Amino acid sequence: MTTAIDQLWSNESTAQLAETLTCIANKNDMQNFLRDVLTEKEIIEISARLQAAKMLKSGATYTEIVRATKLSTRTVARISDWLQNGTGGYSAVLKTIETHHNHISPARA
């Protein structure tokens, strides 16, 4: 049975995007690519979602997360659900960040 996530990544364009992102090893190249394909608002939103996921994993309350990220409580709840019931993307990235914490600068407020 094909799931919605399988359908999403079976598209040639979306598969190419995922493959492209895995090939970018240089921080500057990644920043430039993201800036070219996303708006500033989208970059800030994605960054805030990652920060919210990190905060949820560390036990922060929704109120603390909303205050720090400016996300809505609904978005924080969705991120919490994805952490618990999603495809494991947030968990994998958070584990990578934790493993390589000396290589990734903390988000600036």
Foldseek 3Di string as FASTA:
>chain_A
DDDPVNVQCVDPVSVVVVVVVVPDDDPVVVVVVCVVVDPPVVVLVVVLLLVLLVCVVVPDDLVVSCVVRVDDSVSSVVSVCCCVPNPCPSVVVVVVCVVPVVPDDDDDD
